[in-house]
Amino acid sequence: MGGVMIVVTSGPRAVSRIGGALRLAAAMLGMDYPPVLVFLDEGVNCLRPGALDPGLWDYLKASADLADVHVLSESLEERGLGVDDLDPRLGATPIDMDGLAEMAEEVEVTVAF
């Protein structure tokens, strides 16, 4: 796989952290170097409809259109959420902890926000 994995653990209220993650993803996409985005812990709430302000939403949607977006299924379950609770326009793919570990082994760099 190679490349970069951007892990988002912060919830929607951590605007500067979420903004940093999404701006990094957009910059990488602009350099034709698509990252893999993974949302876990409180970060799964960023994928809910209306969770982010319009500026951050635009970055997230652009990233989702051009890069792989995953959500940790265990984090969803811990919060009583399912894939149906997420914004369908983002196309987030559920992944379990074992899948995340395998993915992390395949990338060159992992950045957490």
C-alpha atoms as a PDB file:
ATOM      1  CA  MET A   1       0.000   0.000   0.000  1.00  0.00           C
ATOM      2  CA  GLY A   2       2.653   2.589   1.000  1.00  0.00           C
ATOM      3  CA  GLY A   3       1.682   6.184   1.556  1.00  0.00           C
ATOM      4  CA  VAL A   4       0.256   7.976   4.552  1.00  0.00           C
ATOM      5  CA  MET A   5      -2.540   7.135   6.965  1.00  0.00           C
ATOM      6  CA  ILE A   6      -4.226  10.067   8.689  1.00  0.00           C
ATOM      7  CA  VAL A   7      -5.916   8.898  11.888  1.00  0.00           C
ATOM      8  CA  VAL A   8      -8.583  11.201  13.316  1.00  0.00           C
ATOM      9  CA  THR A   9      -9.317  10.523  16.987  1.00  0.00           C
ATOM     10  CA  SER A  10     -10.603  13.992  17.891  1.00  0.00           C
ATOM     11  CA  GLY A  11     -14.266  14.878  17.833  1.00  0.00           C
ATOM     12  CA  PRO A  12     -15.915  17.725  15.920  1.00  0.00           C
ATOM     13  CA  ARG A  13     -15.373  20.221  18.753  1.00  0.00           C
ATOM     14  CA  ALA A  14     -11.589  19.960  18.365  1.00  0.00           C
ATOM     15  CA  VAL A  15     -11.789  22.298  15.377  1.00  0.00           C
ATOM     16  CA  SER A  16      -8.063  23.038  15.078  1.00  0.00           C
ATOM     17  CA  ARG A  17      -7.105  19.343  15.207  1.00  0.00           C
ATOM     18  CA  ILE A  18      -9.790  18.294  12.727  1.00  0.00           C
ATOM     19  CA  GLY A  19      -8.894  21.224  10.501  1.00  0.00           C
ATOM     20  CA  GLY A  20      -5.231  20.212  10.560  1.00  0.00           C
ATOM     21  CA  ALA A  21      -6.057  16.646   9.587  1.00  0.00           C
ATOM     22  CA  LEU A  22      -8.356  17.641   6.761  1.00  0.00           C
ATOM     23  CA  ARG A  23      -6.057  20.355   5.414  1.00  0.00           C
ATOM     24  CA  LEU A  24      -3.194  17.834   5.399  1.00  0.00           C
ATOM     25  CA  ALA A  25      -5.368  15.388   3.463  1.00  0.00           C
ATOM     26  CA  ALA A  26      -6.353  18.102   0.971  1.00  0.00           C
ATOM     27  CA  ALA A  27      -2.729  19.164   0.515  1.00  0.00           C
ATOM     28  CA  MET A  28      -1.672  15.596  -0.120  1.00  0.00           C
ATOM     29  CA  LEU A  29      -4.457  15.160  -2.633  1.00  0.00           C
ATOM     30  CA  GLY A  30      -3.320  18.349  -4.343  1.00  0.00           C
ATOM     31  CA  MET A  31       0.117  16.774  -4.766  1.00  0.00           C
ATOM     32  CA  ASP A  32      -1.490  13.621  -6.220  1.00  0.00           C
ATOM     33  CA  TYR A  33      -0.535  11.646  -3.119  1.00  0.00           C
ATOM     34  CA  PRO A  34      -3.868  10.421  -1.716  1.00  0.00           C
ATOM     35  CA  PRO A  35      -3.803   9.473   1.962  1.00  0.00           C
ATOM     36  CA  VAL A  36      -5.969   6.950   3.771  1.00  0.00           C
ATOM     37  CA  LEU A  37      -8.237   8.592   6.342  1.00  0.00           C
ATOM     38  CA  VAL A  38      -9.309   6.598   9.392  1.00  0.00           C
ATOM     39  CA  PHE A  39     -11.772   7.912  11.973  1.00  0.00           C
ATOM     40  CA  LEU A  40     -11.846   6.320  15.409  1.00  0.00           C
ATOM     41  CA  ASP A  41     -12.691   7.130  19.022  1.00  0.00           C
ATOM     42  CA  GLU A  42     -14.446  10.537  19.125  1.00  0.00           C
ATOM     43  CA  GLY A  43     -13.389  11.112  15.515  1.00  0.00           C
ATOM     44  CA  VAL A  44     -16.256   8.928  14.287  1.00  0.00           C
ATOM     45  CA  ASN A  45     -18.600  11.772  15.242  1.00  0.00           C
ATOM     46  CA  CYS A  46     -16.983  13.920  12.529  1.00  0.00           C
ATOM     47  CA  LEU A  47     -18.653  11.652   9.980  1.00  0.00           C
ATOM     48  CA  ARG A  48     -22.171  12.336  11.237  1.00  0.00           C
ATOM     49  CA  PRO A  49     -24.399  14.654   9.180  1.00  0.00           C
ATOM     50  CA  GLY A  50     -23.989  18.292  10.191  1.00  0.00           C
ATOM     51  CA  ALA A  51     -21.178  17.569  12.668  1.00  0.00           C
ATOM     52  CA  LEU A  52     -18.636  19.909  11.070  1.00  0.00           C
ATOM     53  CA  ASP A  53     -18.851  23.554  10.103  1.00  0.00           C
ATOM     54  CA  PRO A  54     -19.201  24.183   6.349  1.00  0.00           C
ATOM     55  CA  GLY A  55     -15.501  24.948   5.767  1.00  0.00           C
ATOM     56  CA  LEU A  56     -14.314  21.725   7.390  1.00  0.00           C
ATOM     57  CA  TRP A  57     -17.126  19.802   5.732  1.00  0.00           C
ATOM     58  CA  ASP A  58     -15.843  20.929   2.317  1.00  0.00           C
ATOM     59  CA  TYR A  59     -12.373  19.597   3.125  1.00  0.00           C
ATOM     60  CA  LEU A  60     -13.819  16.314   4.386  1.00  0.00           C
ATOM     61  CA  LYS A  61     -16.088  15.842   1.371  1.00  0.00           C
ATOM     62  CA  ALA A  62     -13.275  16.611  -1.085  1.00  0.00           C
ATOM     63  CA  SER A  63     -11.019  14.160   0.711  1.00  0.00           C
ATOM     64  CA  ALA A  64     -13.738  11.507   0.765  1.00  0.00           C
ATOM     65  CA  ASP A  65     -14.294  11.947  -2.967  1.00  0.00           C
ATOM     66  CA  LEU A  66     -10.635  11.306  -3.769  1.00  0.00           C
ATOM     67  CA  ALA A  67      -9.222   9.173  -0.936  1.00  0.00           C
ATOM     68  CA  ASP A  68     -10.199   6.118   1.082  1.00  0.00           C
ATOM     69  CA  VAL A  69     -12.166   6.929   4.234  1.00  0.00           C
ATOM     70  CA  HIS A  70     -12.527   4.285   6.931  1.00  0.00           C
ATOM     71  CA  VAL A  71     -14.285   4.244  10.290  1.00  0.00           C
ATOM     72  CA  LEU A  72     -13.394   1.888  13.120  1.00  0.00           C
ATOM     73  CA  SER A  73     -16.415  -0.333  13.748  1.00  0.00           C
ATOM     74  CA  GLU A  74     -15.536  -0.805  17.422  1.00  0.00           C
ATOM     75  CA  SER A  75     -15.608   2.976  17.929  1.00  0.00           C
ATOM     76  CA  LEU A  76     -19.038   3.147  16.329  1.00  0.00           C
ATOM     77  CA  GLU A  77     -20.327   0.357  18.566  1.00  0.00           C
ATOM     78  CA  GLU A  78     -18.919   1.999  21.708  1.00  0.00           C
ATOM     79  CA  ARG A  79     -20.971   5.091  20.893  1.00  0.00           C
ATOM     80  CA  GLY A  80     -24.131   3.221  19.955  1.00  0.00           C
ATOM     81  CA  LEU A  81     -23.738   4.234  16.317  1.00  0.00           C
ATOM     82  CA  GLY A  82     -23.919   2.324  13.078  1.00  0.00           C
ATOM     83  CA  VAL A  83     -22.869   3.061   9.528  1.00  0.00           C
ATOM     84  CA  ASP A  84     -26.406   4.317   8.868  1.00  0.00           C
ATOM     85  CA  ASP A  85     -25.759   7.138  11.364  1.00  0.00           C
ATOM     86  CA  LEU A  86     -22.905   8.479   9.215  1.00  0.00           C
ATOM     87  CA  ASP A  87     -23.266  10.891   6.311  1.00  0.00           C
ATOM     88  CA  PRO A  88     -23.705   8.609   3.272  1.00  0.00           C
ATOM     89  CA  ARG A  89     -22.063  11.177   0.981  1.00  0.00           C
ATOM     90  CA  LEU A  90     -18.709  10.353   2.608  1.00  0.00           C
ATOM     91  CA  GLY A  91     -18.755   6.657   1.726  1.00  0.00           C
ATOM     92  CA  ALA A  92     -16.918   5.679   4.914  1.00  0.00           C
ATOM     93  CA  THR A  93     -15.974   2.018   4.963  1.00  0.00           C
ATOM     94  CA  PRO A  94     -16.136   0.228   8.319  1.00  0.00           C
ATOM     95  CA  ILE A  95     -12.945  -1.501   9.402  1.00  0.00           C
ATOM     96  CA  ASP A  96     -12.299  -3.531  12.540  1.00  0.00           C
ATOM     97  CA  MET A  97      -9.237  -3.307  14.783  1.00  0.00           C
ATOM     98  CA  ASP A  98      -7.509  -6.221  13.039  1.00  0.00           C
ATOM     99  CA  GLY A  99      -8.031  -4.558   9.663  1.00  0.00           C
ATOM    100  CA  LEU A 100      -6.706  -1.282  11.037  1.00  0.00           C
ATOM    101  CA  ALA A 101      -3.594  -3.023  12.360  1.00  0.00           C
ATOM    102  CA  GLU A 102      -2.970  -4.630   8.965  1.00  0.00           C
ATOM    103  CA  MET A 103      -3.468  -1.309   7.216  1.00  0.00           C
ATOM    104  CA  ALA A 104      -1.079   0.425   9.621  1.00  0.00           C
ATOM    105  CA  GLU A 105       1.601  -2.141   8.817  1.00  0.00           C
ATOM    106  CA  GLU A 106       1.274  -1.419   5.096  1.00  0.00           C
ATOM    107  CA  VAL A 107       1.631   2.380   5.191  1.00  0.00           C
ATOM    108  CA  GLU A 108       4.921   4.238   5.448  1.00  0.00           C
ATOM    109  CA  VAL A 109       3.710   7.032   7.752  1.00  0.00           C
ATOM    110  CA  THR A 110       0.858   7.351  10.240  1.00  0.00           C
ATOM    111  CA  VAL A 111      -0.208  10.778  11.486  1.00  0.00           C
ATOM    112  CA  ALA A 112      -2.741  11.107  14.310  1.00  0.00           C
ATOM    113  CA  PHE A 113      -4.944  14.099  15.066  1.00  0.00           C
END
